[in-house]
Structures are given as structure tokens and as C-alpha cells.
Amino acid sequence: METAIFKQRFLPFHPKLYQIAYALVGDKADAEDILQEAYCKLWNKRDELEDIQNPEAFSITLVKHLCLDFLRSPKASRKENKETLETVRLTTSSSPDKELEEKEDIRQVQALIEQLPENQKQVIRLRGIEDCSFEDIEQITGLSPSNIRTLLSRARKTIREKLKKASCHDG
């Protein structure tokens, strides 16, 4: 596949792919890195991509997989924890004890989110952390609106129950 044809087939999806990557990883630089990796993979396999009927769907699937790989990586979890702690520091102007308690609550919720099944984790991140609309989540995940609502409901219920259990053991 020639460079011009490659650009014509795959570059028009760049804004959409970036939006998906950013929604999933929550960081502009990481989203850009993931897109660059996606375009490298596409370019390296360009001769095998001639027969692909839907280059947009293929590109979206590739970006989603790269995002999930990134989110499972140690780099992503270190970065998430650091950003969350910075956010807590900026938003809390109360006593050090209360600040510590809130940080612990956030850490606990993050840990519980990490324990969720992959599809629940993805949906709760997109909706709760990235504030994506149901339409965006539907487009990113390929799930139906009712599936998204069910996954969100289950994820929230699981987190609530585990938090309740934890607070009962603490008190």
C-alpha cells in the first residue's frame, strides 16, 4: 500500500481515535503515544490491510486494545495514583487528618475498581472518571446502552458493598 493510500484510508479517523484513547487512558500525552503506536502497527502491516473492509472499525479496535494493554501496565497505575493524590491535594483545604482520610478513601475505591471485571472497570472509568456520555461509551466499547447501564449498576453495587464491608470491619 502506498503512503498516499495509507493516509487516505487511516488518517481521517485520527480525531475519533484520539478521543477514544484519551477517554480510556485519561492523559493527553499517553493518548498521543498510543495513537503513534497504533499508526506504526498499521503502517508495518499496511500490505496485509489491503483487504480490510472497514478500516475505521479495525483502527478503533486496535486503539482500544492498545489502551487496555497500557491500562494494565505498571506505568499506568503509577501515573494514576500520582495524579489522584495531586488532585486530592489540590481539592482538599481541610485538616491533615481529614485529607489523609480522603486520600485513603480514594485509594480504596481505586483498588476496588481494579478488582472489577474488565468490562465493568472500563465502563465505570469512562462514565465516572472521564465523564463520557452513554453514546460515547457505546461507540468506544461497542456495548448496547442497556448493557452499559447494567455494567455500571453492577460495578457501583460491588464497590458500595465492599466499601460497606470494609467500614464495618474498621469501626
N, C-alpha and C. Protein backbone atom coordinates (compact mmCIF):
# COMPACT_ATOMS: atom_id res chain seq x y z
N MET A 1 0.86 -1.19 0.00
CA MET A 1 0.00 0.00 0.00
C MET A 1 0.90 1.24 0.00
N GLU A 2 0.60 2.15 -0.88
CA GLU A 2 1.37 3.39 -0.98
C GLU A 2 1.07 4.31 0.21
N THR A 3 1.99 5.22 0.45
CA THR A 3 1.83 6.17 1.54
C THR A 3 0.55 6.98 1.38
N ALA A 4 0.29 7.47 0.19
CA ALA A 4 -0.90 8.31 -0.06
C ALA A 4 -2.19 7.53 0.23
N ILE A 5 -2.24 6.28 -0.20
CA ILE A 5 -3.44 5.46 0.04
C ILE A 5 -3.59 5.18 1.53
N PHE A 6 -2.46 4.88 2.18
CA PHE A 6 -2.49 4.63 3.63
C PHE A 6 -3.07 5.85 4.36
N LYS A 7 -2.53 7.02 4.04
CA LYS A 7 -3.01 8.26 4.68
C LYS A 7 -4.50 8.48 4.41
N GLN A 8 -4.89 8.24 3.18
CA GLN A 8 -6.29 8.43 2.78
C GLN A 8 -7.22 7.47 3.53
N ARG A 9 -6.76 6.24 3.76
CA ARG A 9 -7.61 5.23 4.42
C ARG A 9 -7.64 5.36 5.93
N PHE A 10 -6.52 5.79 6.57
CA PHE A 10 -6.45 5.72 8.02
C PHE A 10 -6.39 7.07 8.75
N LEU A 11 -5.86 8.11 8.13
CA LEU A 11 -5.74 9.39 8.84
C LEU A 11 -7.07 10.10 9.12
N PRO A 12 -8.12 9.93 8.31
CA PRO A 12 -9.37 10.61 8.63
C PRO A 12 -9.96 10.22 9.99
N PHE A 13 -9.57 9.07 10.52
CA PHE A 13 -10.11 8.62 11.81
C PHE A 13 -9.33 9.16 13.00
N HIS A 14 -8.26 9.91 12.73
CA HIS A 14 -7.40 10.37 13.81
C HIS A 14 -8.15 11.07 14.95
N PRO A 15 -9.02 12.05 14.67
CA PRO A 15 -9.73 12.73 15.78
C PRO A 15 -10.55 11.75 16.63
N LYS A 16 -11.24 10.85 15.97
CA LYS A 16 -12.07 9.88 16.68
C LYS A 16 -11.20 8.92 17.51
N LEU A 17 -10.10 8.46 16.91
CA LEU A 17 -9.19 7.54 17.61
C LEU A 17 -8.56 8.23 18.82
N TYR A 18 -8.20 9.49 18.65
CA TYR A 18 -7.63 10.24 19.78
C TYR A 18 -8.66 10.37 20.89
N GLN A 19 -9.89 10.69 20.53
CA GLN A 19 -10.96 10.84 21.53
C GLN A 19 -11.14 9.54 22.31
N ILE A 20 -11.12 8.43 21.63
CA ILE A 20 -11.27 7.12 22.28
C ILE A 20 -10.08 6.86 23.21
N ALA A 21 -8.88 7.07 22.70
CA ALA A 21 -7.68 6.82 23.51
C ALA A 21 -7.67 7.72 24.75
N TYR A 22 -7.99 8.98 24.55
CA TYR A 22 -7.99 9.92 25.68
C TYR A 22 -9.06 9.54 26.71
N ALA A 23 -10.22 9.14 26.23
CA ALA A 23 -11.30 8.74 27.14
C ALA A 23 -10.89 7.52 27.95
N LEU A 24 -10.16 6.61 27.33
CA LEU A 24 -9.78 5.38 28.03
C LEU A 24 -8.59 5.56 28.97
N VAL A 25 -7.60 6.34 28.57
CA VAL A 25 -6.40 6.46 29.41
C VAL A 25 -6.36 7.74 30.24
N GLY A 26 -7.13 8.75 29.83
CA GLY A 26 -7.25 9.96 30.64
C GLY A 26 -6.04 10.88 30.66
N ASP A 27 -5.14 10.72 29.71
CA ASP A 27 -3.96 11.57 29.68
C ASP A 27 -3.62 11.87 28.22
N LYS A 28 -3.46 13.17 27.90
CA LYS A 28 -3.24 13.57 26.51
C LYS A 28 -1.96 12.97 25.93
N ALA A 29 -0.88 13.05 26.69
CA ALA A 29 0.41 12.54 26.20
C ALA A 29 0.34 11.03 25.97
N ASP A 30 -0.27 10.31 26.92
CA ASP A 30 -0.40 8.86 26.77
C ASP A 30 -1.29 8.51 25.58
N ALA A 31 -2.37 9.27 25.40
CA ALA A 31 -3.27 9.03 24.26
C ALA A 31 -2.51 9.24 22.95
N GLU A 32 -1.69 10.29 22.88
CA GLU A 32 -0.91 10.55 21.68
C GLU A 32 0.10 9.45 21.44
N ASP A 33 0.75 8.97 22.52
CA ASP A 33 1.71 7.86 22.38
C ASP A 33 1.02 6.61 21.85
N ILE A 34 -0.17 6.34 22.37
CA ILE A 34 -0.92 5.15 21.94
C ILE A 34 -1.29 5.27 20.46
N LEU A 35 -1.72 6.47 20.04
CA LEU A 35 -2.06 6.65 18.62
C LEU A 35 -0.84 6.49 17.74
N GLN A 36 0.28 7.00 18.20
CA GLN A 36 1.51 6.85 17.42
C GLN A 36 1.86 5.37 17.28
N GLU A 37 1.71 4.63 18.38
CA GLU A 37 1.97 3.19 18.33
C GLU A 37 0.98 2.50 17.36
N ALA A 38 -0.28 2.93 17.40
CA ALA A 38 -1.29 2.34 16.52
C ALA A 38 -0.94 2.59 15.06
N TYR A 39 -0.56 3.83 14.74
CA TYR A 39 -0.20 4.13 13.35
C TYR A 39 1.05 3.37 12.91
N CYS A 40 1.99 3.18 13.82
CA CYS A 40 3.19 2.38 13.48
C CYS A 40 2.79 0.94 13.17
N LYS A 41 1.92 0.38 14.01
CA LYS A 41 1.48 -1.00 13.78
C LYS A 41 0.73 -1.10 12.45
N LEU A 42 -0.15 -0.13 12.19
CA LEU A 42 -0.89 -0.13 10.92
C LEU A 42 0.07 -0.03 9.73
N TRP A 43 1.03 0.88 9.84
CA TRP A 43 1.98 1.08 8.74
C TRP A 43 2.81 -0.17 8.51
N ASN A 44 3.27 -0.81 9.58
CA ASN A 44 4.09 -2.02 9.45
C ASN A 44 3.32 -3.18 8.83
N LYS A 45 1.99 -3.16 8.98
CA LYS A 45 1.16 -4.24 8.42
C LYS A 45 0.35 -3.75 7.21
N ARG A 46 0.76 -2.62 6.64
CA ARG A 46 -0.02 -1.99 5.57
C ARG A 46 -0.34 -2.92 4.41
N ASP A 47 0.58 -3.83 4.07
CA ASP A 47 0.33 -4.73 2.95
C ASP A 47 -0.74 -5.77 3.27
N GLU A 48 -0.89 -6.08 4.57
CA GLU A 48 -1.92 -7.03 4.98
C GLU A 48 -3.28 -6.36 5.12
N LEU A 49 -3.31 -5.03 5.13
CA LEU A 49 -4.55 -4.28 5.39
C LEU A 49 -5.33 -3.94 4.12
N GLU A 50 -4.82 -4.32 2.97
CA GLU A 50 -5.47 -4.00 1.70
C GLU A 50 -6.91 -4.50 1.65
N ASP A 51 -7.15 -5.69 2.21
CA ASP A 51 -8.46 -6.33 2.10
C ASP A 51 -9.44 -5.96 3.22
N ILE A 52 -9.02 -5.12 4.14
CA ILE A 52 -9.90 -4.78 5.26
C ILE A 52 -11.07 -3.94 4.73
N GLN A 53 -12.29 -4.43 5.00
CA GLN A 53 -13.50 -3.79 4.50
C GLN A 53 -13.81 -2.49 5.26
N ASN A 54 -13.54 -2.49 6.58
CA ASN A 54 -13.89 -1.33 7.39
C ASN A 54 -12.66 -0.85 8.17
N PRO A 55 -11.84 0.01 7.54
CA PRO A 55 -10.61 0.46 8.20
C PRO A 55 -10.89 1.23 9.50
N GLU A 56 -12.04 1.90 9.57
CA GLU A 56 -12.37 2.65 10.79
C GLU A 56 -12.58 1.70 11.97
N ALA A 57 -13.39 0.69 11.78
CA ALA A 57 -13.65 -0.29 12.85
C ALA A 57 -12.36 -1.00 13.24
N PHE A 58 -11.54 -1.34 12.24
CA PHE A 58 -10.27 -2.01 12.50
C PHE A 58 -9.37 -1.12 13.36
N SER A 59 -9.29 0.17 13.01
CA SER A 59 -8.45 1.13 13.73
C SER A 59 -8.95 1.33 15.16
N ILE A 60 -10.26 1.44 15.32
CA ILE A 60 -10.84 1.62 16.66
C ILE A 60 -10.52 0.41 17.53
N THR A 61 -10.68 -0.78 16.99
CA THR A 61 -10.38 -1.99 17.76
C THR A 61 -8.91 -2.03 18.16
N LEU A 62 -8.03 -1.68 17.24
CA LEU A 62 -6.59 -1.65 17.55
C LEU A 62 -6.30 -0.67 18.68
N VAL A 63 -6.85 0.53 18.59
CA VAL A 63 -6.60 1.56 19.62
C VAL A 63 -7.16 1.10 20.97
N LYS A 64 -8.35 0.51 20.97
CA LYS A 64 -8.92 0.01 22.23
C LYS A 64 -8.01 -1.03 22.87
N HIS A 65 -7.49 -1.95 22.06
CA HIS A 65 -6.60 -2.99 22.59
C HIS A 65 -5.30 -2.38 23.14
N LEU A 66 -4.75 -1.42 22.42
CA LEU A 66 -3.53 -0.76 22.89
C LEU A 66 -3.79 -0.01 24.20
N CYS A 67 -4.96 0.61 24.31
CA CYS A 67 -5.32 1.33 25.55
C CYS A 67 -5.45 0.35 26.71
N LEU A 68 -6.09 -0.76 26.46
CA LEU A 68 -6.26 -1.76 27.53
C LEU A 68 -4.90 -2.31 27.96
N ASP A 69 -4.02 -2.56 26.99
CA ASP A 69 -2.66 -3.01 27.33
C ASP A 69 -1.96 -1.96 28.19
N PHE A 70 -2.10 -0.69 27.79
CA PHE A 70 -1.48 0.40 28.55
C PHE A 70 -2.05 0.46 29.96
N LEU A 71 -3.38 0.37 30.08
CA LEU A 71 -4.01 0.48 31.40
C LEU A 71 -3.61 -0.66 32.33
N ARG A 72 -3.25 -1.80 31.77
CA ARG A 72 -2.80 -2.93 32.58
C ARG A 72 -1.33 -2.80 32.96
N SER A 73 -0.62 -1.89 32.31
CA SER A 73 0.83 -1.78 32.52
C SER A 73 1.13 -1.07 33.84
N PRO A 74 2.30 -1.35 34.42
CA PRO A 74 2.69 -0.69 35.67
C PRO A 74 2.78 0.83 35.51
N LYS A 75 3.17 1.30 34.34
CA LYS A 75 3.29 2.75 34.10
C LYS A 75 1.95 3.45 34.35
N ALA A 76 0.85 2.86 33.87
CA ALA A 76 -0.47 3.48 34.00
C ALA A 76 -0.89 3.56 35.46
N SER A 77 -0.69 2.49 36.23
CA SER A 77 -1.16 2.52 37.61
C SER A 77 -0.33 3.47 38.46
N ARG A 78 0.97 3.57 38.22
CA ARG A 78 1.79 4.55 38.95
C ARG A 78 1.32 5.96 38.67
N LYS A 79 1.08 6.23 37.39
CA LYS A 79 0.66 7.56 36.96
C LYS A 79 -0.71 7.91 37.56
N GLU A 80 -1.66 6.96 37.52
CA GLU A 80 -2.99 7.18 38.07
C GLU A 80 -2.93 7.54 39.54
N ASN A 81 -2.16 6.78 40.31
CA ASN A 81 -2.06 7.04 41.74
C ASN A 81 -1.47 8.41 42.01
N LYS A 82 -0.43 8.77 41.26
CA LYS A 82 0.21 10.07 41.43
C LYS A 82 -0.77 11.20 41.12
N GLU A 83 -1.50 11.08 39.99
CA GLU A 83 -2.46 12.11 39.61
C GLU A 83 -3.60 12.22 40.61
N THR A 84 -4.08 11.10 41.10
CA THR A 84 -5.16 11.13 42.07
C THR A 84 -4.72 11.83 43.35
N LEU A 85 -3.52 11.53 43.79
CA LEU A 85 -3.01 12.17 45.01
C LEU A 85 -2.86 13.67 44.80
N GLU A 86 -2.39 14.08 43.62
CA GLU A 86 -2.26 15.51 43.33
C GLU A 86 -3.63 16.18 43.33
N THR A 87 -4.62 15.54 42.74
CA THR A 87 -5.98 16.07 42.69
C THR A 87 -6.52 16.23 44.11
N VAL A 88 -6.30 15.22 44.93
CA VAL A 88 -6.78 15.27 46.31
C VAL A 88 -6.11 16.44 47.03
N ARG A 89 -4.81 16.60 46.83
CA ARG A 89 -4.09 17.70 47.49
C ARG A 89 -4.66 19.06 47.08
N LEU A 90 -4.98 19.21 45.80
CA LEU A 90 -5.48 20.48 45.30
C LEU A 90 -6.90 20.77 45.77
N THR A 91 -7.72 19.74 45.90
CA THR A 91 -9.13 19.96 46.21
C THR A 91 -9.41 19.96 47.72
N THR A 92 -8.45 19.55 48.51
CA THR A 92 -8.69 19.46 49.95
C THR A 92 -8.00 20.61 50.65
N SER A 93 -8.79 21.43 51.30
CA SER A 93 -8.19 22.52 52.08
C SER A 93 -8.65 22.38 53.53
N SER A 94 -8.68 21.14 54.00
CA SER A 94 -9.13 20.89 55.36
C SER A 94 -7.96 20.39 56.21
N SER A 95 -8.27 19.81 57.33
CA SER A 95 -7.23 19.35 58.25
C SER A 95 -6.43 18.22 57.63
N PRO A 96 -5.17 18.07 58.08
CA PRO A 96 -4.35 16.97 57.56
C PRO A 96 -4.98 15.59 57.81
N ASP A 97 -5.66 15.43 58.95
CA ASP A 97 -6.30 14.15 59.25
C ASP A 97 -7.39 13.84 58.23
N LYS A 98 -8.23 14.85 57.96
CA LYS A 98 -9.32 14.67 57.00
C LYS A 98 -8.76 14.41 55.61
N GLU A 99 -7.70 15.13 55.26
CA GLU A 99 -7.05 14.96 53.96
C GLU A 99 -6.54 13.53 53.81
N LEU A 100 -5.90 13.02 54.85
CA LEU A 100 -5.38 11.66 54.84
C LEU A 100 -6.50 10.65 54.68
N GLU A 101 -7.59 10.88 55.39
CA GLU A 101 -8.76 10.00 55.32
C GLU A 101 -9.34 9.98 53.91
N GLU A 102 -9.46 11.15 53.28
CA GLU A 102 -10.00 11.24 51.93
C GLU A 102 -9.08 10.54 50.92
N LYS A 103 -7.76 10.71 51.09
CA LYS A 103 -6.81 10.03 50.21
C LYS A 103 -6.97 8.52 50.32
N GLU A 104 -7.13 8.06 51.56
CA GLU A 104 -7.30 6.63 51.80
C GLU A 104 -8.58 6.12 51.15
N ASP A 105 -9.66 6.91 51.26
CA ASP A 105 -10.93 6.53 50.62
C ASP A 105 -10.76 6.42 49.11
N ILE A 106 -10.08 7.37 48.51
CA ILE A 106 -9.86 7.35 47.07
C ILE A 106 -9.03 6.14 46.68
N ARG A 107 -7.96 5.88 47.45
CA ARG A 107 -7.12 4.71 47.18
C ARG A 107 -7.94 3.42 47.26
N GLN A 108 -8.81 3.38 48.26
CA GLN A 108 -9.64 2.19 48.47
C GLN A 108 -10.59 1.99 47.28
N VAL A 109 -11.23 3.07 46.84
CA VAL A 109 -12.14 2.98 45.70
C VAL A 109 -11.37 2.58 44.44
N GLN A 110 -10.18 3.16 44.23
CA GLN A 110 -9.35 2.78 43.08
C GLN A 110 -9.01 1.30 43.11
N ALA A 111 -8.64 0.81 44.28
CA ALA A 111 -8.30 -0.60 44.43
C ALA A 111 -9.51 -1.48 44.11
N LEU A 112 -10.69 -1.05 44.56
CA LEU A 112 -11.90 -1.82 44.29
C LEU A 112 -12.23 -1.81 42.79
N ILE A 113 -12.03 -0.66 42.15
CA ILE A 113 -12.27 -0.57 40.70
C ILE A 113 -11.33 -1.54 39.97
N GLU A 114 -10.08 -1.61 40.41
CA GLU A 114 -9.11 -2.50 39.77
C GLU A 114 -9.51 -3.97 39.89
N GLN A 115 -10.27 -4.32 40.93
CA GLN A 115 -10.69 -5.71 41.15
C GLN A 115 -11.92 -6.09 40.30
N LEU A 116 -12.58 -5.11 39.72
CA LEU A 116 -13.79 -5.39 38.93
C LEU A 116 -13.43 -6.15 37.66
N PRO A 117 -14.40 -6.88 37.10
CA PRO A 117 -14.18 -7.50 35.78
C PRO A 117 -13.84 -6.41 34.76
N GLU A 118 -13.07 -6.76 33.75
CA GLU A 118 -12.55 -5.78 32.79
C GLU A 118 -13.64 -4.89 32.18
N ASN A 119 -14.79 -5.49 31.77
CA ASN A 119 -15.83 -4.67 31.12
C ASN A 119 -16.45 -3.67 32.11
N GLN A 120 -16.64 -4.08 33.37
CA GLN A 120 -17.19 -3.15 34.38
C GLN A 120 -16.17 -2.05 34.67
N LYS A 121 -14.91 -2.43 34.76
CA LYS A 121 -13.84 -1.45 35.04
C LYS A 121 -13.80 -0.40 33.94
N GLN A 122 -13.88 -0.85 32.69
CA GLN A 122 -13.81 0.07 31.55
C GLN A 122 -15.00 1.04 31.57
N VAL A 123 -16.20 0.52 31.78
CA VAL A 123 -17.40 1.35 31.76
C VAL A 123 -17.40 2.35 32.92
N ILE A 124 -17.00 1.91 34.10
CA ILE A 124 -17.02 2.83 35.25
C ILE A 124 -15.95 3.91 35.10
N ARG A 125 -14.82 3.55 34.49
CA ARG A 125 -13.78 4.56 34.23
C ARG A 125 -14.30 5.61 33.24
N LEU A 126 -14.89 5.12 32.15
CA LEU A 126 -15.37 6.03 31.11
C LEU A 126 -16.47 6.95 31.65
N ARG A 127 -17.40 6.39 32.39
CA ARG A 127 -18.55 7.18 32.87
C ARG A 127 -18.18 8.02 34.10
N GLY A 128 -17.56 7.38 35.06
CA GLY A 128 -17.32 8.04 36.35
C GLY A 128 -16.09 8.91 36.39
N ILE A 129 -15.03 8.49 35.70
CA ILE A 129 -13.78 9.23 35.78
C ILE A 129 -13.63 10.17 34.60
N GLU A 130 -13.94 9.69 33.41
CA GLU A 130 -13.79 10.52 32.21
C GLU A 130 -15.05 11.29 31.86
N ASP A 131 -16.15 11.00 32.55
CA ASP A 131 -17.41 11.70 32.35
C ASP A 131 -17.90 11.61 30.91
N CYS A 132 -17.74 10.44 30.30
CA CYS A 132 -18.21 10.23 28.92
C CYS A 132 -19.72 10.02 28.93
N SER A 133 -20.36 10.42 27.84
CA SER A 133 -21.80 10.20 27.70
C SER A 133 -22.03 8.72 27.39
N PHE A 134 -23.28 8.27 27.54
CA PHE A 134 -23.60 6.89 27.21
C PHE A 134 -23.34 6.62 25.73
N GLU A 135 -23.59 7.61 24.88
CA GLU A 135 -23.35 7.45 23.44
C GLU A 135 -21.86 7.23 23.18
N ASP A 136 -21.01 8.02 23.86
CA ASP A 136 -19.56 7.86 23.70
C ASP A 136 -19.12 6.47 24.15
N ILE A 137 -19.64 6.05 25.30
CA ILE A 137 -19.27 4.74 25.84
C ILE A 137 -19.72 3.64 24.88
N GLU A 138 -20.92 3.82 24.34
CA GLU A 138 -21.46 2.84 23.38
C GLU A 138 -20.53 2.73 22.17
N GLN A 139 -20.08 3.88 21.67
CA GLN A 139 -19.21 3.90 20.50
C GLN A 139 -17.83 3.31 20.81
N ILE A 140 -17.30 3.64 21.98
CA ILE A 140 -15.97 3.17 22.35
C ILE A 140 -15.96 1.67 22.62
N THR A 141 -16.97 1.19 23.34
CA THR A 141 -16.97 -0.21 23.77
C THR A 141 -17.71 -1.14 22.82
N GLY A 142 -18.65 -0.59 22.04
CA GLY A 142 -19.47 -1.43 21.18
C GLY A 142 -20.61 -2.10 21.94
N LEU A 143 -20.80 -1.73 23.20
CA LEU A 143 -21.88 -2.30 24.02
C LEU A 143 -23.18 -1.54 23.78
N SER A 144 -24.30 -2.21 24.05
CA SER A 144 -25.59 -1.54 23.93
C SER A 144 -25.83 -0.68 25.17
N PRO A 145 -26.71 0.34 25.07
CA PRO A 145 -26.99 1.19 26.23
C PRO A 145 -27.47 0.39 27.45
N SER A 146 -28.27 -0.64 27.23
CA SER A 146 -28.75 -1.42 28.37
C SER A 146 -27.60 -2.22 29.01
N ASN A 147 -26.68 -2.73 28.19
CA ASN A 147 -25.50 -3.42 28.74
C ASN A 147 -24.65 -2.46 29.56
N ILE A 148 -24.47 -1.24 29.05
CA ILE A 148 -23.66 -0.24 29.75
C ILE A 148 -24.30 0.07 31.10
N ARG A 149 -25.62 0.30 31.12
CA ARG A 149 -26.31 0.60 32.38
C ARG A 149 -26.18 -0.56 33.38
N THR A 150 -26.32 -1.78 32.88
CA THR A 150 -26.21 -2.97 33.73
C THR A 150 -24.81 -3.07 34.31
N LEU A 151 -23.79 -2.90 33.46
CA LEU A 151 -22.40 -2.99 33.94
C LEU A 151 -22.10 -1.90 34.97
N LEU A 152 -22.57 -0.68 34.69
CA LEU A 152 -22.37 0.42 35.65
C LEU A 152 -23.04 0.11 36.98
N SER A 153 -24.27 -0.36 36.90
CA SER A 153 -25.03 -0.66 38.10
C SER A 153 -24.33 -1.74 38.92
N ARG A 154 -23.90 -2.80 38.26
CA ARG A 154 -23.20 -3.89 38.96
C ARG A 154 -21.90 -3.41 39.57
N ALA A 155 -21.14 -2.61 38.82
CA ALA A 155 -19.85 -2.11 39.31
C ALA A 155 -20.06 -1.24 40.55
N ARG A 156 -21.02 -0.33 40.47
CA ARG A 156 -21.29 0.56 41.61
C ARG A 156 -21.77 -0.23 42.82
N LYS A 157 -22.63 -1.21 42.57
CA LYS A 157 -23.15 -2.03 43.67
C LYS A 157 -22.02 -2.80 44.34
N THR A 158 -21.14 -3.38 43.54
CA THR A 158 -20.00 -4.13 44.08
C THR A 158 -19.12 -3.22 44.93
N ILE A 159 -18.82 -2.04 44.42
CA ILE A 159 -17.97 -1.09 45.15
C ILE A 159 -18.64 -0.67 46.45
N ARG A 160 -19.94 -0.34 46.37
CA ARG A 160 -20.68 0.06 47.59
C ARG A 160 -20.64 -1.03 48.64
N GLU A 161 -20.93 -2.27 48.22
CA GLU A 161 -20.96 -3.39 49.16
C GLU A 161 -19.59 -3.62 49.80
N LYS A 162 -18.54 -3.56 48.99
CA LYS A 162 -17.20 -3.79 49.52
C LYS A 162 -16.77 -2.65 50.45
N LEU A 163 -17.16 -1.41 50.11
CA LEU A 163 -16.86 -0.29 50.99
C LEU A 163 -17.60 -0.42 52.32
N LYS A 164 -18.85 -0.85 52.23
CA LYS A 164 -19.66 -1.04 53.44
C LYS A 164 -19.03 -2.10 54.33
N LYS A 165 -18.62 -3.21 53.71
CA LYS A 165 -17.95 -4.30 54.44
C LYS A 165 -16.69 -3.80 55.11
N ALA A 166 -15.89 -3.05 54.36
CA ALA A 166 -14.63 -2.53 54.88
C ALA A 166 -14.85 -1.58 56.05
N SER A 167 -15.88 -0.74 55.94
CA SER A 167 -16.14 0.23 57.02
C SER A 167 -16.69 -0.49 58.27
N CYS A 168 -17.38 -1.59 58.07
CA CYS A 168 -17.87 -2.37 59.21
C CYS A 168 -16.70 -3.01 59.96
N HIS A 169 -15.69 -3.45 59.20
CA HIS A 169 -14.52 -4.07 59.83
C HIS A 169 -13.64 -3.05 60.52
N ASP A 170 -13.63 -1.81 59.99
CA ASP A 170 -12.82 -0.75 60.59
C ASP A 170 -13.42 -0.25 61.88
N GLY A 171 -14.77 -0.09 61.89
CA GLY A 171 -15.45 0.50 63.03
C GLY A 171 -15.76 -0.47 64.04
